[in-house]
Amino acid sequence: MTVVIAIIIGILLLGFLVFVHEAGHFFTAKLFGVKVEEFGFGFPPRLWGKKRGETIYSINAIPAGGFVRLFGEDGEHERQQRSFSSKGPWRRSLIIAAGACINLIIAFLIFTVLLGMGGFRSYFPSRLSADQSVNLSLPFGVREQSILIAQVSKESPAQMAGLRSLDDVVSANGQRFQSVQAFQNFVKERGGQQITLKVKNIVDLGYRTVTVTPRQNPPKNQGALGVLLNPEFGRDIVTIEYQKPIEKVFSGPLHSVNMLYFQGQALGALVSQSFREGTPEPVAKNVSGPVGIISVLGLIVSESGLAILPILQVVALISLILGVINLLPIPAVDGGRLFFTVFEGLTGKRVNPNIERIIHTAGFAFLIVLFVIFTFNDISRFFS
């Protein structure tokens, strides 16, 4: 698959997540009788627009997301029935939160399906780079040692049996192992005897049962099976299994919490490294804007050859992060607006619309600056 096609598919996938987010605002506003003036991809200036009914559908120049412009959203036209500002604080809160909630629901559903297909086992890296580890401790699921096959030797028993790289050995003859060394000892003791492995490939999530006979006298630099089980590689991937019935039922939301927890730990580790080294480079190398996200999606599409499961995993993660970020009380994003409507609902006091408008305008300007910095950083990686 060409790089261009992969990037186009990445743009379409990210565009889909933006579309469903804005559609959440759009349909919730319609439900409460609010007039939607514009449904836009990207931010102004406008490149193209077409009016259908009472709404302009537009494509805009700054590809940093999208927006739904509501009649009276800045506090004006409060006495007109179809104005956003004429609605009570809780209805306004629902309209504001709807987009992020749609993103979260998509993430929950995808993770639930993928975990169900994969036996409710998932994988987390415990190392961000050669010199940066994460003290991984997740709130849900049971942590287990991963016994991962890093490489399969040609014409080995493993290759003949159909074992592949990135196969996770779940059990051997029904027995599970707490370390790579324990599994290696088990195999070595059964040279010449047939053993049955239950494996799960961490990319396509499929479980397989493989019957293989370890060699008693393997060639030099090869083990009995002919696989590379690098202990360091095994420690770099942590297996999390959702075992309890209640965890399996709610595996999607629980896994989402684990993913957010991991992202927080990873970001914290990078920030700590930046302070220790006195440079923002560790964070800058690992934080991306829309261009970087599209490039990652394109890379996954290109390497997977359009295999749907790896792509869905990345789409679910991006949808989850989009949902959470849009609920944070950051000026100019949904969470910033939600803060003011919830405050009004709880206190009965409405913040001066002019003050709120100034705060959101300043926040939007700051976000545009961040967008430019992240975009420059993403593009510079292509030429580094």
Protein backbone atom coordinates (compact mmCIF):
# COMPACT_ATOMS: atom_id res chain seq x y z
CA MET A 1 0.00 0.00 0.00
CA THR A 2 1.42 3.40 -0.95
CA VAL A 3 2.14 6.01 1.69
CA VAL A 4 -0.32 8.43 0.06
CA ILE A 5 -3.22 5.95 0.23
CA ALA A 6 -2.37 5.12 3.85
CA ILE A 7 -2.34 8.82 4.80
CA ILE A 8 -5.65 9.40 2.99
CA ILE A 9 -7.21 6.55 4.97
CA GLY A 10 -5.74 8.06 8.15
CA ILE A 11 -7.34 11.42 7.31
CA LEU A 12 -10.69 9.71 6.69
CA LEU A 13 -10.54 7.85 10.01
CA LEU A 14 -9.69 11.00 11.97
CA GLY A 15 -12.35 12.88 9.98
CA PHE A 16 -14.89 10.23 10.97
CA LEU A 17 -14.14 10.78 14.67
CA VAL A 18 -14.48 14.56 14.23
CA PHE A 19 -17.73 14.06 12.30
CA VAL A 20 -19.41 11.88 14.94
CA HIS A 21 -18.26 14.29 17.66
CA GLU A 22 -19.85 17.27 15.94
CA ALA A 23 -22.89 15.18 14.99
CA GLY A 24 -23.44 14.61 18.70
CA HIS A 25 -23.70 18.37 19.23
CA PHE A 26 -25.80 18.78 16.08
CA PHE A 27 -28.48 16.22 16.84
CA THR A 28 -28.71 17.07 20.55
CA ALA A 29 -29.18 20.74 19.67
CA LYS A 30 -31.91 19.77 17.18
CA LEU A 31 -33.53 17.59 19.84
CA PHE A 32 -33.85 20.62 22.15
CA GLY A 33 -35.03 22.93 19.36
CA VAL A 34 -31.84 24.98 18.98
CA LYS A 35 -31.08 26.38 15.54
CA VAL A 36 -27.79 25.10 14.09
CA GLU A 37 -26.26 27.82 11.91
CA GLU A 38 -23.16 25.96 10.71
CA PHE A 39 -21.63 22.48 10.78
CA GLY A 40 -17.94 22.85 9.93
CA PHE A 41 -14.86 20.68 9.41
CA GLY A 42 -11.72 22.52 10.49
CA PHE A 43 -11.72 26.10 11.73
CA PRO A 44 -12.19 29.36 9.72
CA PRO A 45 -11.40 30.90 7.35
CA ARG A 46 -13.95 29.02 5.28
CA LEU A 47 -12.79 27.30 2.10
CA TRP A 48 -16.16 25.94 0.98
CA GLY A 49 -19.70 26.05 2.25
CA LYS A 50 -23.20 25.03 1.17
CA LYS A 51 -26.43 25.91 2.90
CA ARG A 52 -29.09 23.24 3.22
CA GLY A 53 -32.18 24.20 5.15
CA GLU A 54 -31.12 26.53 7.93
CA THR A 55 -27.57 25.14 8.30
CA ILE A 56 -24.35 25.89 6.40
CA TYR A 57 -22.13 22.83 5.93
CA SER A 58 -18.52 23.97 5.48
CA ILE A 59 -14.90 22.93 5.05
CA ASN A 60 -12.41 25.31 6.64
CA ALA A 61 -8.72 26.14 6.33
CA ILE A 62 -7.33 25.16 9.75
CA PRO A 63 -7.52 21.33 10.04
CA ALA A 64 -7.58 21.21 13.84
CA GLY A 65 -11.00 19.65 14.41
CA GLY A 66 -14.48 20.88 13.69
CA PHE A 67 -17.35 22.90 15.13
CA VAL A 68 -21.10 23.34 15.29
CA ARG A 69 -22.15 27.01 15.45
CA LEU A 70 -25.40 27.46 17.33
CA PHE A 71 -27.77 30.40 17.19
CA GLY A 72 -27.21 32.46 20.36
CA GLU A 73 -24.29 30.37 21.64
CA ASP A 74 -22.41 33.43 22.93
CA GLY A 75 -25.25 34.60 25.13
CA GLU A 76 -27.14 36.74 22.62
CA HIS A 77 -30.81 36.34 21.58
CA GLU A 78 -31.63 34.95 25.02
CA ARG A 79 -35.34 35.67 24.62
CA GLN A 80 -35.72 33.91 21.28
CA GLN A 81 -37.06 30.37 21.55
CA ARG A 82 -34.57 28.70 19.20
CA SER A 83 -31.55 30.37 20.74
CA PHE A 84 -29.00 28.25 22.59
CA SER A 85 -28.83 30.85 25.36
CA SER A 86 -32.59 30.61 25.92
CA LYS A 87 -32.29 27.01 27.14
CA GLY A 88 -31.76 26.08 30.76
CA PRO A 89 -28.24 25.29 32.02
CA TRP A 90 -28.74 21.53 32.08
CA ARG A 91 -30.01 21.37 28.49
CA ARG A 92 -27.08 23.52 27.40
CA SER A 93 -24.77 21.18 29.31
CA LEU A 94 -26.17 18.15 27.48
CA ILE A 95 -25.69 19.82 24.09
CA ILE A 96 -22.10 20.75 24.97
CA ALA A 97 -21.19 17.32 26.37
CA ALA A 98 -22.89 15.28 23.63
CA GLY A 99 -19.92 15.29 21.23
CA ALA A 100 -17.42 14.01 23.80
CA CYS A 101 -19.92 11.43 25.03
CA ILE A 102 -20.28 10.04 21.50
CA ASN A 103 -16.49 9.69 21.27
CA LEU A 104 -16.40 7.86 24.61
CA ILE A 105 -19.24 5.54 23.59
CA ILE A 106 -17.43 4.65 20.35
CA ALA A 107 -14.26 3.85 22.33
CA PHE A 108 -16.21 1.75 24.86
CA LEU A 109 -17.95 -0.24 22.12
CA ILE A 110 -14.79 -0.91 20.09
CA PHE A 111 -12.80 -1.96 23.16
CA THR A 112 -15.66 -4.22 24.31
CA VAL A 113 -15.78 -6.00 20.94
CA LEU A 114 -11.99 -6.34 20.64
CA LEU A 115 -11.56 -7.61 24.19
CA GLY A 116 -14.38 -10.10 23.72
CA MET A 117 -12.68 -11.39 20.57
CA GLY A 118 -9.31 -11.53 22.34
CA GLY A 119 -10.36 -13.44 25.44
CA PHE A 120 -10.47 -10.29 27.58
CA ARG A 121 -6.67 -10.00 27.49
CA SER A 122 -4.85 -6.84 26.51
CA TYR A 123 -1.27 -5.61 26.37
CA PHE A 124 0.54 -2.54 27.66
CA PRO A 125 4.18 -1.56 27.12
CA SER A 126 6.12 -1.05 30.32
CA ARG A 127 8.93 0.76 28.50
CA LEU A 128 8.59 3.91 26.39
CA SER A 129 12.14 3.72 25.06
CA ALA A 130 15.44 2.03 25.79
CA ASP A 131 16.07 4.31 28.76
CA GLN A 132 12.54 5.25 29.84
CA SER A 133 10.36 2.76 31.70
CA VAL A 134 6.89 3.15 33.22
CA ASN A 135 6.04 1.83 36.67
CA LEU A 136 2.90 0.27 35.26
CA SER A 137 0.12 -0.19 37.81
CA LEU A 138 -3.42 -0.29 36.43
CA PRO A 139 -6.65 -0.11 38.46
CA PHE A 140 -8.54 -2.94 36.70
CA GLY A 141 -7.73 -6.46 35.56
CA VAL A 142 -5.05 -8.94 36.65
CA ARG A 143 -1.45 -8.35 35.61
CA GLU A 144 0.37 -11.35 34.17
CA GLN A 145 3.79 -12.06 32.69
CA SER A 146 3.79 -11.99 28.90
CA ILE A 147 5.69 -14.78 27.19
CA LEU A 148 6.09 -13.27 23.76
CA ILE A 149 7.72 -14.83 20.74
CA ALA A 150 10.00 -12.18 19.28
CA GLN A 151 11.32 -14.26 16.38
CA VAL A 152 10.84 -17.71 14.82
CA SER A 153 13.79 -19.52 13.24
CA LYS A 154 13.45 -20.98 9.74
CA GLU A 155 12.72 -24.70 9.47
CA SER A 156 12.36 -24.94 13.24
CA PRO A 157 9.64 -26.94 15.04
CA ALA A 158 7.98 -23.63 15.87
CA GLN A 159 7.80 -22.54 12.23
CA MET A 160 6.57 -25.98 11.12
CA ALA A 161 3.82 -25.82 13.77
CA GLY A 162 2.70 -22.34 12.64
CA LEU A 163 3.99 -20.18 15.47
CA ARG A 164 4.57 -16.53 14.53
CA SER A 165 6.37 -13.52 15.91
CA LEU A 166 4.29 -11.56 18.46
CA ASP A 167 2.46 -14.72 19.52
CA ASP A 168 1.75 -14.61 23.25
CA VAL A 169 2.03 -18.07 24.84
CA VAL A 170 -1.01 -18.18 27.13
CA SER A 171 -0.44 -21.76 28.31
CA ALA A 172 1.39 -25.02 27.53
CA ASN A 173 -0.44 -28.29 28.17
CA GLY A 174 -2.94 -26.17 30.11
CA GLN A 175 -0.24 -24.78 32.41
CA ARG A 176 0.46 -21.06 32.81
CA PHE A 177 3.84 -19.57 33.64
CA GLN A 178 4.94 -16.68 35.84
CA SER A 179 8.19 -16.03 33.96
CA VAL A 180 9.90 -16.56 30.62
CA GLN A 181 12.49 -18.74 32.35
CA ALA A 182 9.81 -21.06 33.75
CA PHE A 183 8.38 -21.59 30.26
CA GLN A 184 11.85 -22.24 28.82
CA ASN A 185 12.52 -24.86 31.51
CA PHE A 186 9.16 -26.50 30.80
CA VAL A 187 9.97 -26.83 27.10
CA LYS A 188 13.54 -28.03 27.68
CA GLU A 189 12.35 -30.80 30.00
CA ARG A 190 9.99 -32.10 27.29
CA GLY A 191 12.41 -32.51 24.42
CA GLY A 192 11.04 -35.07 21.96
CA GLN A 193 7.58 -34.94 23.56
CA GLN A 194 4.58 -33.33 21.92
CA ILE A 195 3.21 -30.30 23.76
CA THR A 196 0.11 -28.20 23.09
CA LEU A 197 0.41 -24.43 23.22
CA LYS A 198 -2.44 -21.98 23.46
CA VAL A 199 -1.26 -18.76 21.85
CA LYS A 200 -2.74 -15.39 21.04
CA ASN A 201 -1.22 -13.03 18.52
CA ILE A 202 -1.17 -9.53 20.03
CA VAL A 203 -1.77 -7.90 16.64
CA ASP A 204 -4.73 -9.82 15.20
CA LEU A 205 -6.00 -10.95 18.65
CA GLY A 206 -6.80 -14.45 17.40
CA TYR A 207 -6.42 -17.47 19.70
CA ARG A 208 -4.86 -20.61 18.25
CA THR A 209 -3.98 -24.06 19.55
CA VAL A 210 -0.60 -25.24 18.28
CA THR A 211 0.89 -28.68 18.70
CA VAL A 212 4.69 -28.78 18.58
CA THR A 213 7.49 -31.17 19.53
CA PRO A 214 10.61 -29.53 21.05
CA ARG A 215 13.97 -30.74 19.78
CA GLN A 216 16.26 -32.65 22.13
CA ASN A 217 19.41 -31.50 20.35
CA PRO A 218 18.70 -28.14 18.74
CA PRO A 219 21.23 -26.40 16.45
CA LYS A 220 23.71 -23.99 17.96
CA ASN A 221 22.17 -20.66 19.07
CA GLN A 222 18.65 -22.08 18.77
CA GLY A 223 16.41 -23.35 21.51
CA ALA A 224 14.31 -26.48 21.56
CA LEU A 225 11.44 -24.76 19.75
CA GLY A 226 13.48 -22.44 17.59
CA VAL A 227 11.98 -19.23 18.92
CA LEU A 228 13.53 -16.13 20.42
CA LEU A 229 11.99 -15.41 23.81
CA ASN A 230 14.03 -12.37 24.70
CA PRO A 231 13.57 -11.88 28.47
CA GLU A 232 13.94 -8.13 28.07
CA PHE A 233 11.34 -8.18 25.29
CA GLY A 234 9.03 -10.20 27.55
CA ARG A 235 9.32 -7.66 30.36
CA ASP A 236 8.56 -4.78 28.02
CA ILE A 237 5.00 -6.01 27.40
CA VAL A 238 2.59 -6.48 30.27
CA THR A 239 -0.55 -8.60 29.92
CA ILE A 240 -3.73 -7.43 31.61
CA GLU A 241 -6.58 -9.95 31.81
CA TYR A 242 -10.15 -9.10 32.79
CA GLN A 243 -11.21 -12.25 34.64
CA LYS A 244 -14.24 -11.44 36.78
CA PRO A 245 -17.69 -11.66 35.14
CA ILE A 246 -18.46 -8.03 36.02
CA GLU A 247 -15.11 -6.97 34.47
CA LYS A 248 -15.96 -8.82 31.26
CA VAL A 249 -19.40 -7.20 31.02
CA PHE A 250 -17.93 -3.71 31.47
CA SER A 251 -14.58 -4.48 29.86
CA GLY A 252 -14.85 -1.57 27.39
CA PRO A 253 -15.22 1.22 29.99
CA LEU A 254 -12.78 -0.46 32.40
CA HIS A 255 -10.17 -0.89 29.68
CA SER A 256 -10.69 2.75 28.73
CA VAL A 257 -9.88 3.76 32.31
CA ASN A 258 -6.77 1.58 32.18
CA MET A 259 -5.73 3.18 28.89
CA LEU A 260 -6.16 6.68 30.33
CA TYR A 261 -4.28 5.67 33.46
CA PHE A 262 -1.42 4.36 31.33
CA GLN A 263 -1.36 7.50 29.17
CA GLY A 264 -1.18 9.60 32.34
CA GLN A 265 1.69 7.53 33.72
CA ALA A 266 3.53 7.71 30.41
CA LEU A 267 3.09 11.47 30.17
CA GLY A 268 4.20 11.86 33.79
CA ALA A 269 7.33 9.82 33.08
CA LEU A 270 8.15 11.98 30.05
CA VAL A 271 7.61 15.22 31.98
CA SER A 272 9.84 13.95 34.80
CA GLN A 273 12.52 13.07 32.26
CA SER A 274 12.24 16.55 30.75
CA PHE A 275 12.81 18.17 34.15
CA ARG A 276 15.76 15.89 34.90
CA GLU A 277 17.41 16.64 31.57
CA GLY A 278 16.42 20.32 31.54
CA THR A 279 14.91 20.08 28.06
CA PRO A 280 11.38 19.64 26.67
CA GLU A 281 12.70 17.20 24.05
CA PRO A 282 11.29 13.96 25.64
CA VAL A 283 7.77 15.43 25.68
CA ALA A 284 8.13 17.05 22.26
CA LYS A 285 9.17 13.74 20.69
CA ASN A 286 6.12 11.91 22.03
CA VAL A 287 3.31 14.48 21.82
CA SER A 288 1.59 15.00 18.47
CA GLY A 289 -1.02 17.21 16.87
CA PRO A 290 -3.46 16.31 14.07
CA VAL A 291 -0.64 15.83 11.54
CA GLY A 292 1.14 13.42 13.84
CA ILE A 293 -2.08 11.54 14.58
CA ILE A 294 -2.80 11.16 10.87
CA SER A 295 0.76 9.93 10.25
CA VAL A 296 0.37 7.33 13.03
CA LEU A 297 -2.95 6.18 11.59
CA GLY A 298 -1.36 6.03 8.14
CA LEU A 299 1.55 3.99 9.50
CA ILE A 300 -0.80 1.51 11.18
CA VAL A 301 -2.86 1.19 8.00
CA SER A 302 0.29 0.72 5.89
CA GLU A 303 1.92 -1.88 8.16
CA SER A 304 -1.27 -3.83 8.86
CA GLY A 305 -2.26 -3.98 5.20
CA LEU A 306 -5.77 -2.79 6.10
CA ALA A 307 -6.13 -5.45 8.82
CA ILE A 308 -9.18 -4.15 10.63
CA LEU A 309 -8.34 -5.10 14.23
CA PRO A 310 -5.10 -3.08 14.69
CA ILE A 311 -6.75 -0.10 13.00
CA LEU A 312 -9.79 -0.33 15.28
CA GLN A 313 -7.56 -0.40 18.36
CA VAL A 314 -5.90 2.88 17.35
CA VAL A 315 -9.22 4.48 16.35
CA ALA A 316 -10.71 3.54 19.74
CA LEU A 317 -7.75 5.04 21.60
CA ILE A 318 -7.90 8.30 19.64
CA SER A 319 -11.67 8.51 20.13
CA LEU A 320 -11.19 7.96 23.87
CA ILE A 321 -8.56 10.69 24.15
CA LEU A 322 -10.66 13.11 22.07
CA GLY A 323 -13.63 12.49 24.34
CA VAL A 324 -11.69 13.04 27.55
CA ILE A 325 -9.80 16.13 26.36
CA ASN A 326 -13.07 17.71 25.25
CA LEU A 327 -14.52 17.24 28.74
CA LEU A 328 -11.60 18.91 30.53
CA PRO A 329 -12.31 22.47 31.77
CA ILE A 330 -10.07 24.07 29.15
CA PRO A 331 -11.22 27.42 27.71
CA ALA A 332 -12.53 27.23 24.12
CA VAL A 333 -13.07 23.45 24.12
CA ASP A 334 -16.32 21.79 25.14
CA GLY A 335 -15.16 21.22 28.70
CA GLY A 336 -14.51 24.93 29.21
CA ARG A 337 -18.04 25.81 28.11
CA LEU A 338 -19.44 22.92 30.14
CA PHE A 339 -17.77 24.32 33.27
CA PHE A 340 -19.75 27.54 33.00
CA THR A 341 -23.12 25.85 32.35
CA VAL A 342 -22.65 23.37 35.20
CA PHE A 343 -21.62 26.24 37.48
CA GLU A 344 -24.83 28.04 36.55
CA GLY A 345 -26.90 24.91 37.12
CA LEU A 346 -25.43 24.35 40.58
CA THR A 347 -25.40 27.96 41.80
CA GLY A 348 -28.24 29.54 39.83
CA LYS A 349 -25.84 32.32 38.84
CA ARG A 350 -24.90 32.92 35.22
CA VAL A 351 -21.41 34.20 34.41
CA ASN A 352 -21.37 37.43 32.42
CA PRO A 353 -21.45 36.34 28.73
CA ASN A 354 -18.85 38.98 27.82
CA ILE A 355 -16.39 37.60 30.38
CA GLU A 356 -17.02 34.04 29.22
CA ARG A 357 -16.52 35.12 25.59
CA ILE A 358 -13.17 36.76 26.41
CA ILE A 359 -11.98 33.64 28.24
CA HIS A 360 -12.93 31.36 25.35
CA THR A 361 -11.37 33.70 22.77
CA ALA A 362 -8.08 33.75 24.69
CA GLY A 363 -8.25 29.97 25.07
CA PHE A 364 -8.89 29.51 21.36
CA ALA A 365 -5.89 31.70 20.49
CA PHE A 366 -3.72 29.62 22.82
CA LEU A 367 -4.95 26.38 21.23
CA ILE A 368 -4.13 27.70 17.76
CA VAL A 369 -0.59 28.49 18.95
CA LEU A 370 -0.30 24.93 20.31
CA PHE A 371 -1.63 23.59 17.00
CA VAL A 372 1.06 25.48 15.08
CA ILE A 373 3.79 24.24 17.45
CA PHE A 374 2.61 20.62 17.30
CA THR A 375 2.25 20.76 13.51
CA PHE A 376 5.76 22.17 13.11
CA ASN A 377 7.04 19.47 15.47
CA ASP A 378 5.22 16.71 13.55
CA ILE A 379 6.47 17.89 10.17
CA SER A 380 10.04 18.29 11.42
CA ARG A 381 10.05 14.61 12.41
CA PHE A 382 9.56 13.64 8.77
CA PHE A 383 12.83 15.34 7.86
CA SER A 384 14.87 14.31 10.90
